[in-house]
Protein backbone atom coordinates (compact mmCIF):
# COMPACT_ATOMS: atom_id res chain seq x y z
CA MET A 1 -1.11 27.10 9.54
CA GLU A 2 -4.28 26.20 10.92
CA LYS A 3 -5.99 23.07 10.18
CA SER A 4 -8.29 25.24 8.00
CA GLU A 5 -6.02 26.44 5.90
CA LYS A 6 -4.34 23.77 5.97
CA LEU A 7 -7.42 21.86 4.10
CA LYS A 8 -7.84 24.88 1.31
CA ASP A 9 -4.64 24.22 -0.34
CA LEU A 10 -5.42 20.15 -0.72
CA THR A 11 -5.13 18.97 -3.78
CA PHE A 12 -6.56 15.51 -5.33
CA PRO A 13 -5.68 15.15 -9.51
CA GLU A 14 -5.19 11.65 -9.11
CA VAL A 15 -8.58 10.97 -6.99
CA ARG A 16 -10.75 13.09 -8.99
CA GLU A 17 -9.63 12.67 -12.65
CA GLU A 18 -11.06 8.74 -12.15
CA GLY A 19 -14.35 9.94 -11.64
CA LYS A 20 -14.24 11.72 -14.83
CA GLN A 21 -13.01 9.19 -17.12
CA LYS A 22 -15.95 6.86 -19.08
CA LEU A 23 -16.17 3.29 -18.41
CA SER A 24 -15.39 1.41 -21.39
CA TYR A 25 -14.06 -2.12 -20.73
CA ASP A 26 -16.82 -4.46 -18.87
CA CYS A 27 -15.84 -7.64 -16.93
CA ASP A 28 -17.19 -10.96 -18.85
CA VAL A 29 -18.01 -12.44 -14.88
CA CYS A 30 -19.76 -10.03 -13.70
CA LYS A 31 -20.31 -7.18 -16.14
CA LYS A 32 -18.60 -4.62 -14.40
CA SER A 33 -17.17 -1.54 -16.33
CA PHE A 34 -13.73 0.08 -16.58
CA SER A 35 -12.74 3.46 -18.17
CA GLN A 36 -9.00 1.28 -18.45
CA LYS A 37 -8.20 -2.49 -19.74
CA GLY A 38 -5.11 -2.65 -16.83
CA ARG A 39 -7.71 -2.12 -14.05
CA LEU A 40 -10.05 -4.28 -15.77
CA ASN A 41 -7.35 -6.98 -16.00
CA ILE A 42 -6.84 -6.18 -11.82
CA HIS A 43 -10.51 -6.70 -11.64
CA LYS A 44 -10.31 -10.20 -13.21
CA ARG A 45 -8.06 -11.37 -10.71
CA ILE A 46 -11.31 -11.51 -7.80
CA HIS A 47 -12.48 -13.77 -9.88
CA THR A 48 -10.18 -16.37 -10.94
CA GLY A 49 -8.56 -15.77 -7.67
CA GLU A 50 -5.11 -15.04 -8.91
CA ASN A 51 -2.39 -13.45 -7.14
CA PRO A 52 0.78 -12.47 -8.91
CA PHE A 53 2.56 -10.03 -6.71
CA HIS A 54 4.98 -11.95 -3.57
CA CYS A 55 6.43 -10.65 -0.73
CA ASP A 56 10.07 -11.65 -1.05
CA ILE A 57 10.11 -11.15 3.04
CA CYS A 58 7.75 -13.88 4.21
CA GLY A 59 6.45 -14.91 0.76
CA LYS A 60 2.26 -14.03 0.94
CA SER A 61 1.13 -12.96 -2.03
CA SER A 62 -1.65 -9.86 -3.66
CA PRO A 63 -3.72 -9.50 -6.68
CA GLN A 64 -2.13 -6.06 -7.13
CA SER A 65 0.87 -4.48 -6.30
CA ASN A 66 -0.22 -1.57 -4.65
CA THR A 67 -1.16 -3.86 -2.29
CA LEU A 68 2.48 -5.87 -1.59
CA THR A 69 3.74 -2.04 -1.58
CA ARG A 70 1.16 -1.18 2.04
CA HIS A 71 1.95 -4.97 3.11
CA LYS A 72 5.99 -4.72 2.87
CA CYS A 73 5.38 -1.91 5.26
CA ILE A 74 4.86 -4.32 8.04
CA HIS A 75 8.22 -5.75 7.46
CA THR A 76 10.30 -2.44 6.73
CA GLY A 77 7.98 0.53 9.17
CA LYS A 78 9.04 2.94 6.38
CA LYS A 79 6.02 5.43 5.85
CA PRO A 80 7.30 7.69 3.38
CA TYR A 81 3.64 9.56 2.48
CA ARG A 82 2.94 12.22 5.68
CA CYS A 83 -0.36 14.31 5.80
CA ASP A 84 0.01 17.75 6.12
CA VAL A 85 -3.39 17.85 8.34
CA CYS A 86 -2.79 15.36 11.13
CA GLY A 87 0.72 14.17 10.46
CA THR A 88 -0.40 10.69 9.63
CA SER A 89 1.95 8.75 7.91
CA PHE A 90 1.57 6.09 5.02
CA CYS A 91 3.49 3.73 2.89
CA ASP A 92 1.75 4.90 -0.73
CA GLN A 93 0.31 8.33 -2.24
CA SER A 94 -2.88 6.94 -2.80
CA THR A 95 -3.53 5.79 0.77
CA LEU A 96 -2.75 9.27 2.05
CA ASN A 97 -4.97 10.73 -0.66
CA SER A 98 -8.16 8.50 0.33
CA HIS A 99 -7.33 9.52 4.33
CA ILE A 100 -6.80 13.18 3.41
CA LEU A 101 -11.29 12.70 2.26
CA VAL A 102 -11.63 12.05 5.35
CA HIS A 103 -10.55 16.43 6.43
CA THR A 104 -12.62 17.30 3.58
CA GLY A 105 -15.36 15.00 4.12
CA GLU A 106 -15.74 14.77 -0.10
CA LYS A 107 -17.22 11.09 -1.04
CA LEU A 108 -15.95 11.40 -4.90
CA PHE A 109 -17.04 7.47 -5.53
CA HIS A 110 -21.11 7.30 -5.71
CA CYS A 111 -22.72 4.30 -6.69
CA ASP A 112 -24.54 4.80 -10.38
CA ILE A 113 -27.45 2.50 -8.83
CA CYS A 114 -28.56 3.91 -5.81
CA GLY A 115 -26.40 7.26 -5.30
CA LYS A 116 -24.57 6.28 -2.48
CA SER A 117 -21.31 7.90 -1.81
CA PHE A 118 -18.08 6.89 -0.46
CA SER A 119 -14.98 8.09 0.16
CA LYS A 120 -12.62 4.73 -0.93
CA LYS A 121 -13.13 3.66 -3.66
CA ILE A 122 -12.76 0.22 -2.26
CA ASN A 123 -15.56 1.17 -0.58
CA LEU A 124 -17.82 1.67 -3.65
CA THR A 125 -16.60 -1.41 -4.43
CA THR A 126 -17.86 -3.60 -1.98
CA HIS A 127 -20.89 -1.58 -1.79
CA GLU A 128 -22.34 -2.42 -5.79
CA LEU A 129 -21.43 -6.69 -5.07
CA ILE A 130 -24.82 -5.87 -2.54
CA HIS A 131 -26.40 -5.07 -5.88
CA THR A 132 -25.29 -7.34 -8.01
CA GLY A 133 -25.65 -10.15 -5.32
CA GLU A 134 -22.51 -11.00 -5.86
CA LYS A 135 -19.77 -13.21 -3.12
CA PRO A 136 -16.57 -13.14 -5.13
CA TYR A 137 -14.31 -14.47 -2.34
CA HIS A 138 -14.41 -18.09 -2.17
CA CYS A 139 -13.73 -20.92 -0.10
CA ASP A 140 -11.90 -24.00 -0.59
CA VAL A 141 -12.30 -25.95 2.59
CA CYS A 142 -16.26 -25.32 2.95
CA PHE A 143 -17.76 -22.97 0.68
CA ALA A 144 -18.70 -20.56 1.93
CA SER A 145 -18.71 -16.86 -0.57
CA PHE A 146 -17.72 -13.60 0.68
CA LEU A 147 -18.07 -10.15 -0.48
CA GLY A 148 -14.94 -8.40 0.59
CA ARG A 149 -11.27 -9.94 0.64
CA SER A 150 -11.16 -8.74 4.54
CA ALA A 151 -14.22 -10.86 5.48
CA PHE A 152 -12.56 -13.88 3.51
CA ASN A 153 -9.57 -13.83 4.82
CA SER A 154 -10.60 -13.51 8.40
CA HIS A 155 -13.00 -16.89 8.21
CA MET A 156 -9.85 -18.72 6.48
CA ARG A 157 -8.50 -18.68 9.22
CA PHE A 158 -10.78 -20.39 11.14
CA HIS A 159 -9.70 -23.20 8.87
CA THR A 160 -6.04 -22.49 9.25
CA GLY A 161 -5.81 -22.34 12.68
CA GLU A 162 -4.15 -18.89 12.39
CA LYS A 163 -3.38 -16.08 14.90
CA PRO A 164 -1.65 -13.42 13.74
CA PHE A 165 -2.90 -10.72 16.02
CA HIS A 166 -0.77 -11.08 19.27
CA CYS A 167 -1.13 -9.10 22.91
CA ASP A 168 2.22 -7.44 23.74
CA ILE A 169 1.29 -7.55 27.30
CA CYS A 170 0.95 -11.45 27.82
CA GLY A 171 1.70 -12.96 24.44
CA LYS A 172 -2.01 -14.50 23.68
CA SER A 173 -2.81 -14.58 19.84
CA PHE A 174 -5.87 -14.32 18.55
CA LEU A 175 -7.82 -15.12 15.00
CA GLN A 176 -8.93 -11.33 14.61
CA LYS A 177 -7.73 -8.21 15.34
CA GLY A 178 -11.61 -7.33 17.12
CA SER A 179 -10.77 -10.43 19.34
CA LEU A 180 -7.56 -8.64 20.48
CA THR A 181 -8.73 -4.82 20.71
CA THR A 182 -11.32 -6.51 23.22
CA HIS A 183 -8.82 -8.19 25.18
CA MET A 184 -6.22 -5.71 25.33
CA ASN A 185 -9.38 -3.02 27.06
CA LEU A 186 -10.39 -6.07 29.56
CA PHE A 187 -6.47 -5.74 30.46
CA ILE A 188 -6.83 -1.60 30.34
CA LEU A 189 -10.30 -2.15 32.78
CA GLU A 190 -7.92 -4.23 34.90
CA ARG A 191 -5.34 -2.64 35.44
CA SER A 192 -7.42 0.82 36.63
CA LEU A 193 -9.63 -1.48 39.02
CA ILE A 194 -6.08 -2.80 41.03
CA PRO A 195 -6.00 0.64 42.92
CA VAL A 196 -9.71 0.85 43.66
CA MET A 197 -9.95 -3.10 45.06
CA SER A 198 -6.65 -2.03 47.06
CA VAL A 199 -8.26 0.31 48.84
CA VAL A 200 -11.37 -1.13 48.92
CA HIS A 201 -9.09 -4.46 50.38
CA HIS A 202 -7.60 -1.81 52.79
CA SER A 203 -10.61 0.13 54.15
CA LEU A 204 -12.44 -3.56 55.04
CA THR A 205 -9.65 -4.87 56.85
CA GLU A 206 -9.49 -1.80 59.03
CA VAL A 207 -13.45 -2.08 59.89
CA LEU A 208 -13.00 -5.68 60.83
């Protein structure tokens, strides 16, 4: 089956239905509205810092059960949800649904203030904070604040000294994934230059 034919058969009942629901539950802190009370309760954990879901393997905590499910894939390696278009596998159905939008190009989540659209709800949520000026993630050490959890977690590593990203070649560790990527690219560049330098050295030897 061709990729274009596969795309025709894709449906996103969970994602589409969510965009049609009426917003009726408001956050007392930032006034953000939600269609379900359960979603409001989950959102409030951003303000309270509550992380009720814990990994029984490493102890890592999370504000949402689905986030913990994705985290556990690191330990188990299981990714049972497979994309029919490109074959990429994921830990849960919601992550697969978000991924499929990459193939269809659909952006189902819209900002009510500026109209900008996003393919992932988390990206819309982070974007909306730009309008409200809210930075819900606060560092208890230096009191810096951040829009998103990823930036907050990266910042906290400067205080804890944790370096979770490791080079499989030399074993060196890094605070941020981007630093590891840069490091690995240097390794690849160095290895690609070795044959060239060898030829240059041989040629210079012959000349001398």
